[in-house]
């Protein structure tokens, strides 16, 4: 599989099969992803992978606290503006349309949102963390690491769903994995094999055309 194919195939999967992913495969993906670039080669990422009984124990803690905790950062800026607001709104509409949940059915939407806490049934849950004293450039480096993880997963026949949902559980995650106090949680990720029969997995999020956000200058 070439890189272009992996980029094209990567989508956020929201219903997984329970089939386990071997530990050596997970480790290989995480290790290979460390070739991702980082400014000054700081390699700011710190990663925890949960499966089996530890994952089950963690999910039980989350289920007992469905309202979460105070986030340590805003996943989206307050009062999101266009075009970002419209993109987010449309993505939500497209997602819930795949499973027949209208906007006015708030309880059903909340139930679907809560499936994040189960990693959408994935057999592996990943957490990505970094030192609190690092700044926006290192957050960007961590994002590049996560993207590399996702593309390597596709190469191995696996799927993922990055989940900033976990920003609402910073204390639970930190306590469970033993995260040092000088580090903070950035994001989680579900990893496993997609349920190809699940309607929600038919969503391919829309992308604006190049002319909306890009320019070429000085080319023939």
Protein backbone atom coordinates (compact mmCIF):
# COMPACT_ATOMS: atom_id res chain seq x y z
CA UNK A 1 0.00 0.00 0.00
CA UNK A 2 1.39 3.42 -0.92
CA UNK A 3 0.96 6.58 1.15
CA UNK A 4 -1.71 8.03 -1.13
CA UNK A 5 -3.84 4.90 -0.71
CA UNK A 6 -3.46 4.99 3.06
CA UNK A 7 -4.46 8.67 3.18
CA UNK A 8 -7.51 7.95 1.01
CA UNK A 9 -8.59 4.93 3.06
CA UNK A 10 -8.16 6.52 6.48
CA UNK A 11 -11.50 7.58 7.93
CA UNK A 12 -12.74 7.89 11.49
CA UNK A 13 -14.43 4.60 12.38
CA UNK A 14 -17.16 4.65 15.00
CA UNK A 15 -18.04 0.98 15.32
CA UNK A 16 -15.39 -1.72 15.63
CA UNK A 17 -15.36 -5.50 15.76
CA UNK A 18 -14.14 -6.97 19.07
CA UNK A 19 -11.32 -8.95 17.41
CA UNK A 20 -8.12 -8.38 19.41
CA UNK A 21 -5.08 -6.66 17.96
CA UNK A 22 -1.80 -8.41 18.89
CA UNK A 23 0.43 -6.43 21.23
CA UNK A 24 3.48 -6.70 18.95
CA UNK A 25 1.48 -5.10 16.12
CA UNK A 26 0.42 -2.19 18.34
CA UNK A 27 3.98 -1.69 19.54
CA UNK A 28 5.34 -1.78 16.00
CA UNK A 29 2.89 0.89 14.87
CA UNK A 30 3.68 3.16 17.82
CA UNK A 31 7.43 2.71 17.40
CA UNK A 32 7.44 3.28 13.65
CA UNK A 33 5.28 6.38 14.10
CA UNK A 34 8.08 7.91 16.17
CA UNK A 35 9.76 8.71 12.83
CA UNK A 36 7.20 11.53 12.61
CA UNK A 37 8.86 14.97 12.51
CA UNK A 38 9.17 17.19 15.55
CA UNK A 39 10.83 20.58 15.83
CA UNK A 40 14.35 20.21 17.22
CA UNK A 41 13.66 16.46 17.44
CA UNK A 42 11.95 17.05 20.80
CA UNK A 43 9.71 13.98 20.27
CA UNK A 44 7.14 15.42 22.70
CA UNK A 45 4.78 12.44 22.64
CA UNK A 46 4.03 10.14 25.54
CA UNK A 47 1.68 7.27 24.67
CA UNK A 48 -0.31 4.71 26.65
CA UNK A 49 -2.02 1.71 25.03
CA UNK A 50 -4.76 -0.23 26.82
CA UNK A 51 -6.31 -3.57 25.87
CA UNK A 52 -7.90 -6.57 27.57
CA UNK A 53 -8.60 -6.31 31.30
CA UNK A 54 -6.96 -2.90 31.82
CA UNK A 55 -9.13 -1.45 29.05
CA UNK A 56 -12.24 -3.03 30.56
CA UNK A 57 -11.39 -1.60 33.98
CA UNK A 58 -10.83 1.85 32.54
CA UNK A 59 -14.12 1.83 30.63
CA UNK A 60 -15.93 0.85 33.82
CA UNK A 61 -14.57 3.99 35.50
CA UNK A 62 -15.80 6.12 32.63
CA UNK A 63 -19.23 4.50 32.66
CA UNK A 64 -19.52 5.38 36.36
CA UNK A 65 -18.84 9.04 35.57
CA UNK A 66 -20.85 9.81 32.41
CA UNK A 67 -20.62 13.60 32.84
CA UNK A 68 -16.84 13.68 32.85
CA UNK A 69 -14.64 16.34 34.44
CA UNK A 70 -13.46 19.88 33.80
CA UNK A 71 -11.44 19.85 30.55
CA UNK A 72 -7.93 21.29 30.61
CA UNK A 73 -8.34 22.92 27.22
CA UNK A 74 -11.08 23.88 24.76
CA UNK A 75 -11.42 21.34 21.97
CA UNK A 76 -13.09 24.08 19.90
CA UNK A 77 -12.81 27.85 20.37
CA UNK A 78 -15.82 29.43 22.09
CA UNK A 79 -18.43 30.88 19.72
CA UNK A 80 -17.03 29.08 16.70
CA UNK A 81 -17.32 31.17 13.53
CA UNK A 82 -17.71 30.40 9.83
CA UNK A 83 -16.52 28.59 7.84
CA UNK A 84 -15.50 26.39 10.78
CA UNK A 85 -18.92 26.45 12.44
CA UNK A 86 -20.67 25.40 9.23
CA UNK A 87 -18.18 22.60 8.60
CA UNK A 88 -18.67 21.22 12.10
CA UNK A 89 -22.45 21.49 11.85
CA UNK A 90 -22.56 19.73 8.48
CA UNK A 91 -20.27 16.95 9.66
CA UNK A 92 -22.56 16.30 12.60
CA UNK A 93 -25.61 16.23 10.36
CA UNK A 94 -23.92 13.82 7.94
CA UNK A 95 -22.78 11.56 10.76
CA UNK A 96 -26.16 11.22 12.46
CA UNK A 97 -27.92 10.82 9.11
CA UNK A 98 -26.05 7.54 8.60
CA UNK A 99 -27.80 6.10 11.65
CA UNK A 100 -31.14 7.83 11.22
CA UNK A 101 -30.95 10.20 14.21
CA UNK A 102 -32.56 13.60 13.54
CA UNK A 103 -31.23 16.77 15.15
CA UNK A 104 -34.24 17.08 17.44
CA UNK A 105 -33.63 13.65 19.01
CA UNK A 106 -31.18 14.88 21.62
CA UNK A 107 -31.25 11.74 23.83
CA UNK A 108 -30.29 9.53 20.88
CA UNK A 109 -27.47 11.89 19.93
CA UNK A 110 -26.17 11.88 23.48
CA UNK A 111 -26.26 8.06 23.53
CA UNK A 112 -24.20 7.99 20.36
CA UNK A 113 -21.76 10.53 21.80
CA UNK A 114 -21.37 8.37 24.91
CA UNK A 115 -20.07 5.51 22.74
CA UNK A 116 -16.81 7.42 22.68
CA UNK A 117 -16.36 6.23 26.25
CA UNK A 118 -16.39 2.65 25.00
CA UNK A 119 -13.87 3.48 22.25
CA UNK A 120 -16.71 2.52 19.89
CA UNK A 121 -16.12 -1.13 20.80
CA UNK A 122 -12.47 -1.10 19.68
CA UNK A 123 -10.16 -3.62 21.38
CA UNK A 124 -7.39 -1.03 21.86
CA UNK A 125 -7.53 2.42 23.43
CA UNK A 126 -4.64 4.84 23.01
CA UNK A 127 -3.87 8.02 24.95
CA UNK A 128 -1.51 10.73 23.71
CA UNK A 129 0.03 13.06 26.26
CA UNK A 130 2.77 15.69 26.50
CA UNK A 131 4.64 17.84 28.99
CA UNK A 132 2.52 20.76 30.24
CA UNK A 133 5.31 23.26 29.69
CA UNK A 134 5.47 22.59 25.96
CA UNK A 135 3.72 24.96 23.58
CA UNK A 136 1.59 25.00 20.41
CA UNK A 137 4.46 23.87 18.13
CA UNK A 138 4.83 20.68 20.18
CA UNK A 139 1.07 20.11 20.12
CA UNK A 140 1.39 20.24 16.34
CA UNK A 141 4.25 17.71 16.53
CA UNK A 142 2.03 15.39 18.57
CA UNK A 143 -0.68 15.74 15.93
CA UNK A 144 1.80 14.67 13.25
CA UNK A 145 2.72 11.66 15.37
CA UNK A 146 -0.95 10.71 15.69
CA UNK A 147 -1.49 11.02 11.94
CA UNK A 148 1.48 8.75 11.36
CA UNK A 149 -0.03 6.21 13.76
CA UNK A 150 -3.29 6.30 11.82
CA UNK A 151 -1.64 5.80 8.43
CA UNK A 152 0.50 2.93 9.71
CA UNK A 153 -2.64 1.35 11.14
CA UNK A 154 -4.27 1.47 7.71
CA UNK A 155 -1.20 -0.22 6.23
CA UNK A 156 -1.68 -3.07 8.72
CA UNK A 157 -5.35 -3.49 7.83
CA UNK A 158 -6.53 -1.67 10.94
CA UNK A 159 -8.69 1.38 11.52
CA UNK A 160 -8.76 4.22 13.99
CA UNK A 161 -10.82 7.07 15.39
CA UNK A 162 -8.98 10.00 16.97
CA UNK A 163 -10.96 11.15 20.01
CA UNK A 164 -10.53 14.54 21.62
CA UNK A 165 -13.62 13.42 23.54
CA UNK A 166 -11.15 12.28 26.18
CA UNK A 167 -10.30 15.89 26.97
CA UNK A 168 -13.34 15.72 29.25
CA UNK A 169 -11.71 12.97 31.36
CA UNK A 170 -8.23 14.36 32.15
CA UNK A 171 -8.18 13.27 35.80
CA UNK A 172 -9.56 9.79 35.16
CA UNK A 173 -7.05 9.09 32.41
CA UNK A 174 -4.11 10.57 34.31
CA UNK A 175 -4.88 8.59 37.46
CA UNK A 176 -5.46 5.31 35.64
CA UNK A 177 -2.30 5.33 33.52
CA UNK A 178 -0.11 6.97 36.17
CA UNK A 179 0.57 10.08 34.12
CA UNK A 180 3.19 12.31 35.79
CA UNK A 181 1.83 15.56 37.19
CA UNK A 182 3.95 17.61 34.80
CA UNK A 183 2.22 15.97 31.81
CA UNK A 184 -1.29 16.39 30.44
CA UNK A 185 -3.63 14.41 28.22
CA UNK A 186 -4.13 15.70 24.69
CA UNK A 187 -6.24 13.08 22.93
CA UNK A 188 -7.28 9.47 22.77
CA UNK A 189 -7.72 7.10 19.86
CA UNK A 190 -9.66 3.91 19.18
CA UNK A 191 -7.74 1.23 17.27
CA UNK A 192 -9.02 -2.01 15.81
CA UNK A 193 -10.90 -3.59 12.92
CA UNK A 194 -13.89 -1.75 11.49
CA UNK A 195 -17.35 -3.29 11.48
CA UNK A 196 -17.94 -3.10 7.73
CA UNK A 197 -21.66 -3.70 8.18
CA UNK A 198 -22.20 -0.72 10.47
CA UNK A 199 -24.03 2.14 8.68
CA UNK A 200 -22.16 4.78 10.69
CA UNK A 201 -18.91 3.62 9.09
CA UNK A 202 -20.15 4.66 5.66
CA UNK A 203 -19.45 8.31 6.49
CA UNK A 204 -16.64 9.90 4.54
CA UNK A 205 -16.36 13.44 5.88
CA UNK A 206 -16.60 16.13 3.22
CA UNK A 207 -13.58 18.23 2.27
CA UNK A 208 -13.68 21.71 0.79
CA UNK A 209 -12.14 22.11 -2.67
CA UNK A 210 -8.53 23.27 -2.90
CA UNK A 211 -9.58 26.73 -4.13
CA UNK A 212 -11.27 27.37 -0.76
CA UNK A 213 -8.10 27.15 1.27
CA UNK A 214 -5.06 26.92 -1.02
CA UNK A 215 -3.15 29.00 -3.57
CA UNK A 216 -0.39 28.19 -6.06
CA UNK A 217 1.95 31.01 -7.00
CA UNK A 218 4.87 31.07 -9.39
CA UNK A 219 4.02 27.77 -11.11
CA UNK A 220 3.66 27.29 -14.88
